[in-house]
Every structure is written in structure tokens, then in C-alpha cells.
C-alpha atoms as a PDB file:
ATOM      1  CA  MET A   1       0.000   0.000   0.000  1.00  0.00           C
ATOM      2  CA  ALA A   2       1.307   3.464  -0.885  1.00  0.00           C
ATOM      3  CA  LYS A   3       2.563   5.664   1.954  1.00  0.00           C
ATOM      4  CA  ARG A   4       0.752   8.806   2.984  1.00  0.00           C
ATOM      5  CA  ARG A   5       2.472  12.075   3.696  1.00  0.00           C
ATOM      6  CA  PRO A   6       3.650  12.352   7.304  1.00  0.00           C
ATOM      7  CA  GLY A   7       0.934  13.844   9.481  1.00  0.00           C
ATOM      8  CA  SER A   8      -1.799  13.435   6.871  1.00  0.00           C
ATOM      9  CA  LYS A   9      -5.277  12.720   8.164  1.00  0.00           C
ATOM     10  CA  VAL A  10      -6.456   9.165   7.581  1.00  0.00           C
ATOM     11  CA  GLU A  11      -9.941   9.009   6.106  1.00  0.00           C
ATOM     12  CA  PRO A  12     -11.941   6.069   4.792  1.00  0.00           C
ATOM     13  CA  ALA A  13     -11.746   5.412   1.072  1.00  0.00           C
ATOM     14  CA  ARG A  14     -14.775   6.612  -0.864  1.00  0.00           C
ATOM     15  CA  GLY A  15     -16.256   5.666  -4.189  1.00  0.00           C
ATOM     16  CA  LEU A  16     -16.170   8.021  -7.162  1.00  0.00           C
ATOM     17  CA  GLU A  17     -19.219   9.107  -9.134  1.00  0.00           C
ATOM     18  CA  LEU A  18     -18.424   8.886 -12.822  1.00  0.00           C
ATOM     19  CA  GLY A  19     -20.696   8.746 -15.842  1.00  0.00           C
ATOM     20  CA  GLY A  20     -23.732   8.184 -13.657  1.00  0.00           C
ATOM     21  CA  ARG A  21     -22.105   5.234 -11.876  1.00  0.00           C
ATOM     22  CA  THR A  22     -20.250   4.774  -8.598  1.00  0.00           C
ATOM     23  CA  ILE A  23     -16.782   3.244  -8.793  1.00  0.00           C
ATOM     24  CA  GLU A  24     -16.292   1.473  -5.461  1.00  0.00           C
ATOM     25  CA  PRO A  25     -12.985   1.510  -3.522  1.00  0.00           C
ATOM     26  CA  GLY A  26     -10.640  -1.302  -4.474  1.00  0.00           C
ATOM     27  CA  THR A  27     -12.171  -1.813  -7.919  1.00  0.00           C
ATOM     28  CA  ALA A  28     -11.425  -0.943 -11.543  1.00  0.00           C
ATOM     29  CA  GLU A  29     -14.052  -0.345 -14.195  1.00  0.00           C
ATOM     30  CA  ARG A  30     -14.111   0.603 -17.837  1.00  0.00           C
ATOM     31  CA  LEU A  31     -16.995   2.736 -19.003  1.00  0.00           C
ATOM     32  CA  GLU A  32     -18.158   4.842 -21.919  1.00  0.00           C
ATOM     33  CA  ILE A  33     -19.462   8.379 -21.405  1.00  0.00           C
ATOM     34  CA  PRO A  34     -21.734   9.319 -24.359  1.00  0.00           C
ATOM     35  CA  VAL A  35     -20.563  12.359 -26.309  1.00  0.00           C
ATOM     36  CA  ALA A  36     -22.744  12.734 -29.424  1.00  0.00           C
ATOM     37  CA  ARG A  37     -24.308  10.788 -32.275  1.00  0.00           C
ATOM     38  CA  LEU A  38     -22.835  10.488 -35.733  1.00  0.00           C
ATOM     39  CA  PRO A  39     -25.127  11.424 -38.664  1.00  0.00           C
ATOM     40  CA  THR A  40     -25.876   7.685 -38.924  1.00  0.00           C
ATOM     41  CA  GLY A  41     -27.345   7.737 -35.422  1.00  0.00           C
ATOM     42  CA  THR A  42     -24.431   5.798 -33.911  1.00  0.00           C
ATOM     43  CA  TRP A  43     -23.205   7.074 -30.544  1.00  0.00           C
ATOM     44  CA  LEU A  44     -19.582   8.087 -30.038  1.00  0.00           C
ATOM     45  CA  SER A  45     -18.423   7.879 -26.438  1.00  0.00           C
ATOM     46  CA  LEU A  46     -15.526   8.920 -24.249  1.00  0.00           C
ATOM     47  CA  PRO A  47     -13.691   5.750 -23.097  1.00  0.00           C
ATOM     48  CA  VAL A  48     -12.537   5.842 -19.465  1.00  0.00           C
ATOM     49  CA  ALA A  49     -10.721   3.298 -17.313  1.00  0.00           C
ATOM     50  CA  ALA A  50     -11.238   4.139 -13.630  1.00  0.00           C
ATOM     51  CA  PHE A  51      -9.003   2.650 -10.933  1.00  0.00           C
ATOM     52  CA  CYS A  52     -10.455   3.468  -7.510  1.00  0.00           C
ATOM     53  CA  GLY A  53      -7.935   2.616  -4.816  1.00  0.00           C
ATOM     54  CA  ALA A  54      -8.701   0.652  -1.681  1.00  0.00           C
ATOM     55  CA  SER A  55      -7.113   3.475   0.348  1.00  0.00           C
ATOM     56  CA  PRO A  56      -7.884   7.213   0.192  1.00  0.00           C
ATOM     57  CA  GLY A  57      -5.659   9.576  -1.746  1.00  0.00           C
ATOM     58  CA  PRO A  58      -5.534  12.058  -4.623  1.00  0.00           C
ATOM     59  CA  VAL A  59      -7.538  11.796  -7.839  1.00  0.00           C
ATOM     60  CA  ILE A  60      -5.530  12.128 -11.050  1.00  0.00           C
ATOM     61  CA  TRP A  61      -6.468  11.939 -14.713  1.00  0.00           C
ATOM     62  CA  LEU A  62      -4.228  11.011 -17.636  1.00  0.00           C
ATOM     63  CA  SER A  63      -5.528  11.872 -21.115  1.00  0.00           C
ATOM     64  CA  ALA A  64      -4.390  11.453 -24.704  1.00  0.00           C
ATOM     65  CA  ALA A  65      -5.540  12.300 -28.232  1.00  0.00           C
ATOM     66  CA  VAL A  66      -7.074  15.659 -27.431  1.00  0.00           C
ATOM     67  CA  HIS A  67      -5.760  16.055 -30.959  1.00  0.00           C
ATOM     68  CA  GLY A  68      -7.102  12.969 -32.720  1.00  0.00           C
ATOM     69  CA  ASP A  69      -3.961  12.136 -34.716  1.00  0.00           C
ATOM     70  CA  GLU A  70      -1.546  12.309 -31.749  1.00  0.00           C
ATOM     71  CA  LEU A  71      -1.117   8.676 -30.729  1.00  0.00           C
ATOM     72  CA  VAL A  72       1.922   8.443 -28.437  1.00  0.00           C
ATOM     73  CA  GLY A  73      -0.197   9.131 -25.362  1.00  0.00           C
ATOM     74  CA  VAL A  74      -2.712   6.473 -26.407  1.00  0.00           C
ATOM     75  CA  ALA A  75       0.073   3.885 -26.264  1.00  0.00           C
ATOM     76  CA  VAL A  76       1.335   5.231 -22.922  1.00  0.00           C
ATOM     77  CA  ILE A  77      -2.107   4.961 -21.318  1.00  0.00           C
ATOM     78  CA  ARG A  78      -2.681   1.465 -22.734  1.00  0.00           C
ATOM     79  CA  SER A  79       0.578   0.398 -21.061  1.00  0.00           C
ATOM     80  CA  LEU A  80      -0.327   2.065 -17.769  1.00  0.00           C
ATOM     81  CA  MET A  81      -3.596   0.115 -17.598  1.00  0.00           C
ATOM     82  CA  LYS A  82      -1.541  -3.059 -17.135  1.00  0.00           C
ATOM     83  CA  ARG A  83       0.506  -1.575 -14.290  1.00  0.00           C
ATOM     84  CA  LEU A  84      -2.260  -0.336 -11.966  1.00  0.00           C
ATOM     85  CA  ASN A  85      -3.820  -2.414  -9.191  1.00  0.00           C
ATOM     86  CA  PRO A  86      -6.741  -0.837  -7.289  1.00  0.00           C
ATOM     87  CA  ALA A  87      -6.122  -3.150  -4.326  1.00  0.00           C
ATOM     88  CA  THR A  88      -2.751  -1.488  -3.630  1.00  0.00           C
ATOM     89  CA  LEU A  89      -3.618   1.990  -4.895  1.00  0.00           C
ATOM     90  CA  SER A  90      -4.207   5.041  -2.692  1.00  0.00           C
ATOM     91  CA  GLY A  91      -6.614   7.412  -4.414  1.00  0.00           C
ATOM     92  CA  THR A  92      -8.089   7.201  -7.898  1.00  0.00           C
ATOM     93  CA  VAL A  93      -6.574   7.172 -11.394  1.00  0.00           C
ATOM     94  CA  LEU A  94      -8.756   8.047 -14.395  1.00  0.00           C
ATOM     95  CA  LEU A  95      -7.266   6.966 -17.721  1.00  0.00           C
ATOM     96  CA  VAL A  96      -8.737   8.495 -20.893  1.00  0.00           C
ATOM     97  CA  PRO A  97      -6.822   7.111 -23.908  1.00  0.00           C
ATOM     98  CA  VAL A  98      -8.814   9.151 -26.444  1.00  0.00           C
ATOM     99  CA  VAL A  99     -10.548  12.466 -25.780  1.00  0.00           C
ATOM    100  CA  ASN A 100     -11.154  13.536 -29.389  1.00  0.00           C
ATOM    101  CA  VAL A 101     -12.841  10.338 -30.581  1.00  0.00           C
ATOM    102  CA  PHE A 102     -14.051  12.093 -33.749  1.00  0.00           C
ATOM    103  CA  GLY A 103     -10.509  13.108 -34.722  1.00  0.00           C
ATOM    104  CA  LEU A 104      -9.147   9.641 -33.993  1.00  0.00           C
ATOM    105  CA  ILE A 105     -11.656   8.018 -36.334  1.00  0.00           C
ATOM    106  CA  ASN A 106     -10.918  10.547 -39.079  1.00  0.00           C
ATOM    107  CA  GLU A 107      -7.148  10.497 -38.418  1.00  0.00           C
ATOM    108  CA  SER A 108      -7.374  14.248 -37.935  1.00  0.00           C
ATOM    109  CA  ARG A 109      -6.152  16.748 -35.375  1.00  0.00           C
ATOM    110  CA  TYR A 110      -9.523  18.480 -35.430  1.00  0.00           C
ATOM    111  CA  LEU A 111     -13.203  17.895 -34.756  1.00  0.00           C
ATOM    112  CA  PRO A 112     -15.603  17.468 -37.716  1.00  0.00           C
ATOM    113  CA  ASP A 113     -16.476  21.169 -37.377  1.00  0.00           C
ATOM    114  CA  GLY A 114     -12.818  22.049 -38.057  1.00  0.00           C
ATOM    115  CA  ARG A 115     -12.190  23.318 -34.545  1.00  0.00           C
ATOM    116  CA  ASP A 116      -9.181  22.545 -32.357  1.00  0.00           C
ATOM    117  CA  LEU A 117     -10.382  20.928 -29.134  1.00  0.00           C
ATOM    118  CA  ASN A 118      -7.331  22.235 -27.279  1.00  0.00           C
ATOM    119  CA  ARG A 119      -8.426  25.796 -28.026  1.00  0.00           C
ATOM    120  CA  SER A 120     -12.046  25.180 -26.992  1.00  0.00           C
ATOM    121  CA  PHE A 121     -11.850  24.862 -23.182  1.00  0.00           C
ATOM    122  CA  PRO A 122     -13.672  25.434 -20.853  1.00  0.00           C
ATOM    123  CA  GLY A 123     -16.360  24.892 -23.480  1.00  0.00           C
ATOM    124  CA  SER A 124     -20.118  25.184 -23.346  1.00  0.00           C
ATOM    125  CA  LYS A 125     -22.980  22.698 -23.191  1.00  0.00           C
ATOM    126  CA  ARG A 126     -24.735  24.598 -26.002  1.00  0.00           C
ATOM    127  CA  GLY A 127     -21.765  25.608 -28.139  1.00  0.00           C
ATOM    128  CA  SER A 128     -20.030  23.972 -31.094  1.00  0.00           C
ATOM    129  CA  LEU A 129     -19.236  20.253 -31.076  1.00  0.00           C
ATOM    130  CA  ALA A 130     -15.703  21.054 -29.883  1.00  0.00           C
ATOM    131  CA  SER A 131     -17.072  23.323 -27.166  1.00  0.00           C
ATOM    132  CA  GLN A 132     -19.549  20.682 -25.981  1.00  0.00           C
ATOM    133  CA  LEU A 133     -16.865  17.969 -25.843  1.00  0.00           C
ATOM    134  CA  ALA A 134     -14.551  20.312 -23.921  1.00  0.00           C
ATOM    135  CA  SER A 135     -17.314  21.060 -21.419  1.00  0.00           C
ATOM    136  CA  LEU A 136     -18.141  17.376 -20.990  1.00  0.00           C
ATOM    137  CA  PHE A 137     -14.526  16.361 -20.411  1.00  0.00           C
ATOM    138  CA  LEU A 138     -13.939  19.209 -17.974  1.00  0.00           C
ATOM    139  CA  ASP A 139     -17.047  18.422 -15.911  1.00  0.00           C
ATOM    140  CA  GLU A 140     -16.923  14.615 -15.990  1.00  0.00           C
ATOM    141  CA  ILE A 141     -13.174  14.104 -15.595  1.00  0.00           C
ATOM    142  CA  VAL A 142     -10.984  17.125 -14.857  1.00  0.00           C
ATOM    143  CA  LYS A 143     -12.998  18.789 -12.102  1.00  0.00           C
ATOM    144  CA  LYS A 144     -13.046  15.530 -10.132  1.00  0.00           C
ATOM    145  CA  CYS A 145      -9.227  15.566  -9.966  1.00  0.00           C
ATOM    146  CA  THR A 146      -6.443  17.319  -8.108  1.00  0.00           C
ATOM    147  CA  PHE A 147      -3.820  16.657 -10.775  1.00  0.00           C
ATOM    148  CA  GLY A 148      -3.547  15.670 -14.427  1.00  0.00           C
ATOM    149  CA  ILE A 149      -1.157  14.669 -17.194  1.00  0.00           C
ATOM    150  CA  ASP A 150      -2.107  15.401 -20.810  1.00  0.00           C
ATOM    151  CA  PHE A 151      -0.184  13.685 -23.632  1.00  0.00           C
ATOM    152  CA  HIS A 152       0.634  15.316 -26.976  1.00  0.00           C
ATOM    153  CA  THR A 153       2.974  15.111 -29.979  1.00  0.00           C
ATOM    154  CA  GLY A 154       4.319  17.559 -32.501  1.00  0.00           C
ATOM    155  CA  SER A 155       1.910  18.624 -35.243  1.00  0.00           C
ATOM    156  CA  GLY A 156       1.948  20.066 -38.736  1.00  0.00           C
ATOM    157  CA  GLY A 157       5.002  18.142 -39.925  1.00  0.00           C
ATOM    158  CA  ARG A 158       6.985  18.598 -36.683  1.00  0.00           C
ATOM    159  CA  THR A 159       8.456  16.156 -34.182  1.00  0.00           C
ATOM    160  CA  ASN A 160       9.284  16.782 -30.515  1.00  0.00           C
ATOM    161  CA  LEU A 161      11.951  15.521 -28.168  1.00  0.00           C
ATOM    162  CA  PRO A 162      10.209  13.885 -25.182  1.00  0.00           C
ATOM    163  CA  GLN A 163       9.610  16.805 -22.831  1.00  0.00           C
ATOM    164  CA  ILE A 164       7.381  18.094 -20.061  1.00  0.00           C
ATOM    165  CA  ARG A 165       5.736  21.480 -20.408  1.00  0.00           C
ATOM    166  CA  ALA A 166       4.460  23.035 -17.210  1.00  0.00           C
ATOM    167  CA  ASN A 167       4.252  26.141 -15.067  1.00  0.00           C
ATOM    168  CA  LEU A 168       7.512  25.798 -13.160  1.00  0.00           C
ATOM    169  CA  ASP A 169       6.689  28.849 -11.044  1.00  0.00           C
ATOM    170  CA  ASP A 170       4.175  26.661  -9.173  1.00  0.00           C
ATOM    171  CA  PRO A 171       6.168  24.650  -6.582  1.00  0.00           C
ATOM    172  CA  GLU A 172       3.983  21.509  -6.611  1.00  0.00           C
ATOM    173  CA  THR A 173       3.810  21.411 -10.403  1.00  0.00           C
ATOM    174  CA  LYS A 174       7.589  21.848 -10.586  1.00  0.00           C
ATOM    175  CA  ARG A 175       8.133  19.060  -8.032  1.00  0.00           C
ATOM    176  CA  LEU A 176       6.059  16.601 -10.032  1.00  0.00           C
ATOM    177  CA  ALA A 177       7.636  17.690 -13.330  1.00  0.00           C
ATOM    178  CA  GLU A 178      11.045  16.897 -11.833  1.00  0.00           C
ATOM    179  CA  GLN A 179       9.791  13.488 -10.714  1.00  0.00           C
ATOM    180  CA  PHE A 180       8.513  12.741 -14.225  1.00  0.00           C
ATOM    181  CA  GLY A 181      12.097  13.018 -15.420  1.00  0.00           C
ATOM    182  CA  ALA A 182      11.714  13.832 -19.124  1.00  0.00           C
ATOM    183  CA  PRO A 183      14.918  14.720 -21.022  1.00  0.00           C
ATOM    184  CA  VAL A 184      13.775  18.374 -21.077  1.00  0.00           C
ATOM    185  CA  THR A 185      11.381  20.280 -18.831  1.00  0.00           C
ATOM    186  CA  LEU A 186      10.123  23.485 -20.441  1.00  0.00           C
ATOM    187  CA  HIS A 187       8.522  26.285 -18.453  1.00  0.00           C
ATOM    188  CA  SER A 188       5.473  27.497 -20.318  1.00  0.00           C
ATOM    189  CA  VAL A 189       2.330  29.445 -19.573  1.00  0.00           C
ATOM    190  CA  ALA A 190      -0.848  27.640 -20.609  1.00  0.00           C
ATOM    191  CA  ARG A 191      -2.502  28.940 -23.768  1.00  0.00           C
ATOM    192  CA  ASP A 192      -5.998  30.361 -23.587  1.00  0.00           C
ATOM    193  CA  GLY A 193      -8.546  27.702 -24.491  1.00  0.00           C
ATOM    194  CA  SER A 194      -6.234  24.784 -23.706  1.00  0.00           C
ATOM    195  CA  LEU A 195      -7.038  21.908 -21.389  1.00  0.00           C
ATOM    196  CA  ARG A 196      -4.125  22.894 -19.153  1.00  0.00           C
ATOM    197  CA  ALA A 197      -5.408  26.469 -18.858  1.00  0.00           C
ATOM    198  CA  ALA A 198      -8.867  25.195 -17.895  1.00  0.00           C
ATOM    199  CA  ALA A 199      -7.351  22.873 -15.283  1.00  0.00           C
ATOM    200  CA  ASN A 200      -5.225  25.672 -13.830  1.00  0.00           C
ATOM    201  CA  ALA A 201      -8.282  27.946 -13.687  1.00  0.00           C
ATOM    202  CA  ASN A 202      -9.855  25.306 -11.424  1.00  0.00           C
ATOM    203  CA  GLU A 203      -6.704  25.170  -9.255  1.00  0.00           C
ATOM    204  CA  ILE A 204      -5.735  21.756 -10.645  1.00  0.00           C
ATOM    205  CA  HIS A 205      -2.051  21.038 -11.329  1.00  0.00           C
ATOM    206  CA  CYS A 206      -1.293  19.770 -14.827  1.00  0.00           C
ATOM    207  CA  LEU A 207       1.697  18.511 -16.799  1.00  0.00           C
ATOM    208  CA  VAL A 208       1.808  18.225 -20.585  1.00  0.00           C
ATOM    209  CA  TYR A 209       4.010  15.483 -22.035  1.00  0.00           C
ATOM    210  CA  GLU A 210       5.128  16.172 -25.617  1.00  0.00           C
ATOM    211  CA  ALA A 211       6.914  13.478 -27.624  1.00  0.00           C
ATOM    212  CA  GLY A 212       7.289  12.507 -31.265  1.00  0.00           C
ATOM    213  CA  GLU A 213       5.032  13.393 -34.162  1.00  0.00           C
ATOM    214  CA  ALA A 214       1.420  12.961 -35.188  1.00  0.00           C
ATOM    215  CA  GLY A 215       0.411   9.582 -36.586  1.00  0.00           C
ATOM    216  CA  ARG A 216       3.534   7.766 -35.371  1.00  0.00           C
ATOM    217  CA  ILE A 217       4.680   5.961 -32.213  1.00  0.00           C
ATOM    218  CA  GLU A 218       8.180   5.010 -31.074  1.00  0.00           C
ATOM    219  CA  ARG A 219       9.062   2.673 -28.208  1.00  0.00           C
ATOM    220  CA  GLU A 220      11.348   5.125 -26.393  1.00  0.00           C
ATOM    221  CA  GLN A 221       8.639   7.799 -26.333  1.00  0.00           C
ATOM    222  CA  ILE A 222       6.282   5.295 -24.708  1.00  0.00           C
ATOM    223  CA  ARG A 223       8.866   4.150 -22.154  1.00  0.00           C
ATOM    224  CA  ILE A 224       9.619   7.691 -21.007  1.00  0.00           C
ATOM    225  CA  GLY A 225       5.897   8.485 -20.763  1.00  0.00           C
ATOM    226  CA  VAL A 226       5.029   5.335 -18.804  1.00  0.00           C
ATOM    227  CA  GLU A 227       7.942   5.530 -16.370  1.00  0.00           C
ATOM    228  CA  GLY A 228       7.469   9.260 -15.840  1.00  0.00           C
ATOM    229  CA  SER A 229       3.768   8.799 -15.092  1.00  0.00           C
ATOM    230  CA  LEU A 230       4.502   6.022 -12.599  1.00  0.00           C
ATOM    231  CA  ARG A 231       7.042   8.208 -10.813  1.00  0.00           C
ATOM    232  CA  VAL A 232       4.437  10.988 -10.557  1.00  0.00           C
ATOM    233  CA  LEU A 233       1.954   8.545  -8.998  1.00  0.00           C
ATOM    234  CA  GLU A 234       4.605   7.510  -6.500  1.00  0.00           C
ATOM    235  CA  ALA A 235       5.464  11.143  -5.733  1.00  0.00           C
ATOM    236  CA  LEU A 236       1.772  11.681  -4.955  1.00  0.00           C
ATOM    237  CA  HIS A 237       1.960   8.735  -2.532  1.00  0.00           C
ATOM    238  CA  MET A 238      -0.559   6.767  -4.583  1.00  0.00           C
ATOM    239  CA  MET A 239       1.555   3.665  -5.265  1.00  0.00           C
ATOM    240  CA  LYS A 240       5.002   2.111  -4.980  1.00  0.00           C
ATOM    241  CA  ASN A 241       7.082   1.244  -8.027  1.00  0.00           C
ATOM    242  CA  ASP A 242       9.468  -1.494  -7.018  1.00  0.00           C
ATOM    243  CA  GLY A 243      12.350  -1.771  -9.453  1.00  0.00           C
ATOM    244  CA  LEU A 244      11.683   1.534 -11.223  1.00  0.00           C
ATOM    245  CA  SER A 245      14.694   3.847 -11.260  1.00  0.00           C
ATOM    246  CA  GLY A 246      14.487   7.414 -10.061  1.00  0.00           C
ATOM    247  CA  PRO A 247      14.249  10.336 -12.486  1.00  0.00           C
ATOM    248  CA  LYS A 248      17.306  11.274 -14.485  1.00  0.00           C
ATOM    249  CA  PRO A 249      18.350  14.939 -14.398  1.00  0.00           C
ATOM    250  CA  SER A 250      16.231  16.961 -16.800  1.00  0.00           C
ATOM    251  CA  VAL A 251      17.436  19.976 -18.753  1.00  0.00           C
ATOM    252  CA  ILE A 252      15.366  22.900 -17.458  1.00  0.00           C
ATOM    253  CA  ALA A 253      14.477  25.461 -20.120  1.00  0.00           C
ATOM    254  CA  ARG A 254      12.797  28.677 -19.058  1.00  0.00           C
ATOM    255  CA  ASP A 255      12.115  29.798 -22.632  1.00  0.00           C
ATOM    256  CA  SER A 256      12.265  28.545 -26.217  1.00  0.00           C
ATOM    257  CA  THR A 257      12.326  29.858 -29.759  1.00  0.00           C
ATOM    258  CA  TRP A 258      11.658  28.505 -33.250  1.00  0.00           C
ATOM    259  CA  VAL A 259      14.367  29.208 -35.830  1.00  0.00           C
ATOM    260  CA  ARG A 260      12.626  29.911 -39.137  1.00  0.00           C
ATOM    261  CA  ALA A 261      13.598  29.527 -42.778  1.00  0.00           C
ATOM    262  CA  ARG A 262      14.971  32.688 -44.391  1.00  0.00           C
ATOM    263  CA  ARG A 263      14.173  31.406 -47.869  1.00  0.00           C
ATOM    264  CA  SER A 264      12.034  28.773 -49.561  1.00  0.00           C
ATOM    265  CA  GLY A 265      13.546  25.587 -50.913  1.00  0.00           C
ATOM    266  CA  PHE A 266      14.922  22.186 -49.959  1.00  0.00           C
ATOM    267  CA  CYS A 267      15.882  21.858 -46.292  1.00  0.00           C
ATOM    268  CA  GLN A 268      18.624  19.591 -44.939  1.00  0.00           C
ATOM    269  CA  LEU A 269      18.924  19.465 -41.165  1.00  0.00           C
ATOM    270  CA  ARG A 270      22.338  19.391 -39.521  1.00  0.00           C
ATOM    271  CA  VAL A 271      21.097  18.674 -35.985  1.00  0.00           C
ATOM    272  CA  GLY A 272      18.900  16.092 -34.274  1.00  0.00           C
ATOM    273  CA  LEU A 273      16.532  16.031 -31.330  1.00  0.00           C
ATOM    274  CA  GLY A 274      18.338  16.499 -28.027  1.00  0.00           C
ATOM    275  CA  ASP A 275      21.479  18.023 -29.573  1.00  0.00           C
ATOM    276  CA  LEU A 276      23.128  20.885 -27.692  1.00  0.00           C
ATOM    277  CA  VAL A 277      24.024  23.701 -30.065  1.00  0.00           C
ATOM    278  CA  LYS A 278      26.094  26.838 -29.756  1.00  0.00           C
ATOM    279  CA  GLU A 279      25.256  30.345 -30.942  1.00  0.00           C
ATOM    280  CA  GLY A 280      26.237  30.678 -34.599  1.00  0.00           C
ATOM    281  CA  GLN A 281      26.342  26.910 -35.214  1.00  0.00           C
ATOM    282  CA  ALA A 282      24.942  25.724 -38.558  1.00  0.00           C
ATOM    283  CA  ILE A 283      21.709  23.846 -37.872  1.00  0.00           C
ATOM    284  CA  ALA A 284      20.265  23.508 -41.406  1.00  0.00           C
ATOM    285  CA  THR A 285      20.963  24.366 -45.029  1.00  0.00           C
ATOM    286  CA  LEU A 286      18.420  25.684 -47.528  1.00  0.00           C
ATOM    287  CA  SER A 287      18.806  25.584 -51.294  1.00  0.00           C
ATOM    288  CA  ASP A 288      16.777  25.407 -54.476  1.00  0.00           C
ATOM    289  CA  LEU A 289      15.911  22.014 -55.960  1.00  0.00           C
ATOM    290  CA  LEU A 290      19.048  22.023 -58.116  1.00  0.00           C
ATOM    291  CA  GLY A 291      21.208  22.515 -55.025  1.00  0.00           C
ATOM    292  CA  GLU A 292      22.125  26.088 -55.889  1.00  0.00           C
ATOM    293  CA  GLY A 293      21.834  29.278 -53.909  1.00  0.00           C
ATOM    294  CA  GLU A 294      22.561  27.489 -50.640  1.00  0.00           C
ATOM    295  CA  ALA A 295      21.867  29.396 -47.422  1.00  0.00           C
ATOM    296  CA  VAL A 296      22.987  28.278 -43.982  1.00  0.00           C
ATOM    297  CA  LEU A 297      20.572  28.562 -41.072  1.00  0.00           C
ATOM    298  CA  LYS A 298      22.443  29.274 -37.825  1.00  0.00           C
ATOM    299  CA  ALA A 299      21.465  29.032 -34.174  1.00  0.00           C
ATOM    300  CA  PRO A 300      20.717  32.494 -32.796  1.00  0.00           C
ATOM    301  CA  GLU A 301      21.827  31.411 -29.297  1.00  0.00           C
ATOM    302  CA  ASP A 302      22.986  28.433 -27.258  1.00  0.00           C
ATOM    303  CA  GLY A 303      20.252  25.858 -26.754  1.00  0.00           C
ATOM    304  CA  VAL A 304      18.977  22.294 -26.845  1.00  0.00           C
ATOM    305  CA  VAL A 305      17.007  21.004 -29.846  1.00  0.00           C
ATOM    306  CA  ILE A 306      13.517  20.154 -28.545  1.00  0.00           C
ATOM    307  CA  GLY A 307      11.635  20.141 -31.854  1.00  0.00           C
ATOM    308  CA  LEU A 308      12.255  19.791 -35.587  1.00  0.00           C
ATOM    309  CA  SER A 309      10.408  20.159 -38.858  1.00  0.00           C
ATOM    310  CA  THR A 310      10.069  16.858 -40.710  1.00  0.00           C
ATOM    311  CA  LYS A 311       9.345  18.526 -44.071  1.00  0.00           C
ATOM    312  CA  PRO A 312      12.140  18.570 -46.664  1.00  0.00           C
ATOM    313  CA  LEU A 313      10.421  21.306 -48.691  1.00  0.00           C
ATOM    314  CA  VAL A 314       9.894  24.566 -46.849  1.00  0.00           C
ATOM    315  CA  ASN A 315       8.627  28.061 -47.445  1.00  0.00           C
ATOM    316  CA  ARG A 316      10.167  31.275 -46.224  1.00  0.00           C
ATOM    317  CA  GLY A 317       9.153  31.766 -42.588  1.00  0.00           C
ATOM    318  CA  ASP A 318       8.480  28.088 -41.843  1.00  0.00           C
ATOM    319  CA  ALA A 319       9.558  26.884 -38.387  1.00  0.00           C
ATOM    320  CA  ILE A 320      12.575  24.569 -38.788  1.00  0.00           C
ATOM    321  CA  VAL A 321      14.300  24.024 -35.431  1.00  0.00           C
ATOM    322  CA  HIS A 322      12.837  24.550 -31.949  1.00  0.00           C
ATOM    323  CA  LEU A 323      15.506  25.524 -29.408  1.00  0.00           C
ATOM    324  CA  GLY A 324      15.033  25.394 -25.654  1.00  0.00           C
ATOM    325  CA  GLU A 325      17.120  27.867 -23.673  1.00  0.00           C
ATOM    326  CA  PRO A 326      18.708  25.928 -20.782  1.00  0.00           C
ATOM    327  CA  GLU A 327      18.529  27.433 -17.332  1.00  0.00           C
ATOM    328  CA  HIS A 328      21.994  28.158 -15.951  1.00  0.00           C
ATOM    329  CA  GLY A 329      23.128  28.097 -12.367  1.00  0.00           C
END
């Protein structure tokens, strides 16, 4: 059984009301929360796996595919389902492998109405489809929790180094980000309309795990996501992870910048994800399709490569290399 914080008050475990049902202590259930009907009349639902611990403790959600084509988090949550045991759990874990079920089916980032779900929070029960789904997820899942982890990937032809994005000015959020142990931890303020902003507005701590690119999954991205999530659960005194190593030191970046193409043409990268670069270092070359008129793209400052464009053909102004600015001292 997971340890409680010293001096914490011991209270009896309680069931959790979810989707019109009560999840009893010491049990795990999988349920579907109806979202909306397709034009055919078929219901689409929000899949949830609820693990209600035998002992009291925090309530945490883990969600993926807020953008329907971002699949790394889906694989992470599927793996976590096999690692949780409600009999030895303190508190409750809500696993939501797919939030944007419409986007997943259509292999699209967006909802059928063309809206971005992660710009639609806190949503409205009478708004657009994206707004209604945001409202449902916030009310049924997020507001029942004290903490959350939301999983994402790069989008629009970009790939990300596994990283945590969080408000590092909040001590508890920073503590849990450090326990996650991603290669890079990036301080960032939540964007208006995002799930993280809605959680923060309800005084709920939230981490965002970014790794890889849309439509693809790699084993290392899954491993980092699973192990980091388990360490967070242990740091919240919800479970013990025998045999799991502690977090490796993470590069802390207080800011980041995208280096953009100064001309259109064929792009050849000279750096990879996780590389440390120096100011003035060549990070990409741009040329026309005959290989003429080559221009060298240089790093404007020292940094660590946390994101890259995967497109060989670029237009002037396209984002090519995302540099995190490491915190010194």
C-alpha cells in the first residue's frame, strides 16, 4: 500500500461518481461516457478506465488524443492500464486514452467542425461540437481531480523531443515535473482555451508530455511516458514502483524559440533532437531544388534542440528548429 504524507489525516476510502455510476474503492471499471451521435445515429463515447484505490488519496487523470492524430499518449495509457492495481492503490486514477474520438476516427487533429479541441476549453454545453466535448470532459473528468497529465505530440510536420511542459513557477507542479524526469522540462504558460489552462483555472495542477510526431509511435517515447507517469503517482503517494529507477536529471528550459527559414527551398537538417548547439552553429541548409543558392541557417543562441520540422520542402518563414534555452546556475 502506498505511503501517505507524514501527518496526513487518515480518512476512509470513498467511491467516485463517474458517468452516472459509482466506482467502489478497491475496484477498476471501464466505461463509456456518451458524447454525441454520428449522422448515422451511432453514438460516439468517451472511453474511461477508472481505478479506484482501496485506500484514500488524490484523484488524477491522464488523457491522450485531445488532438485525434496524436497517438503516443494512447500507447502510454494502454501500457499504464496493465501496471495499476486498485487493491494497492491510494486514491483514484482516471485513464482516458482518447478524448477527441471524432478526430481519432478521421485520423485528424480536429473535430468534424474544423475546430481545435485544445483551443475550446472550458467549453459550453450549447456551443459547437468542440465546445460541448470540452465542457463534458472538464465536468466529468478534470474537475473531479487534483492533478492531471495530458499527452501530446508535434503537429503540422513537426516532431518533438520527449519533454514536459508546465508552469515551473508553481512549486507543486515543478516538483512533479522533476519526478517525471523527461529529457527536457520546459517552463510554459498555458494557452488560452487549452485543457491545461482550464485545469489551472480550477486550481488543478497539470503537466503536458510532448513526444514525437502525429500519426507515429516510437518505443522510447512510450517508455519515457510510462515511467514518468509512474514516478508521478509515486510522488503523490498513490503507489510504490518497485524496481523503477528514479528520475534522471532533466534539462530545465525557461524559454524557447523557433528558428525559421529565411528562404524557400529544400531543407537539410544538420542537428537532431536532443542536440546541444552553440550560438552561430549551422543547424540547417536551404537551397533550391538544383542545389544552388545554398543558405545556412544558424542558431541564434545556445540551446537544446527540442523540436524539428520533418518537411524537406519549406517556405520562407516556416519553423525549422525549436531551441530550448537551458537554465543556468
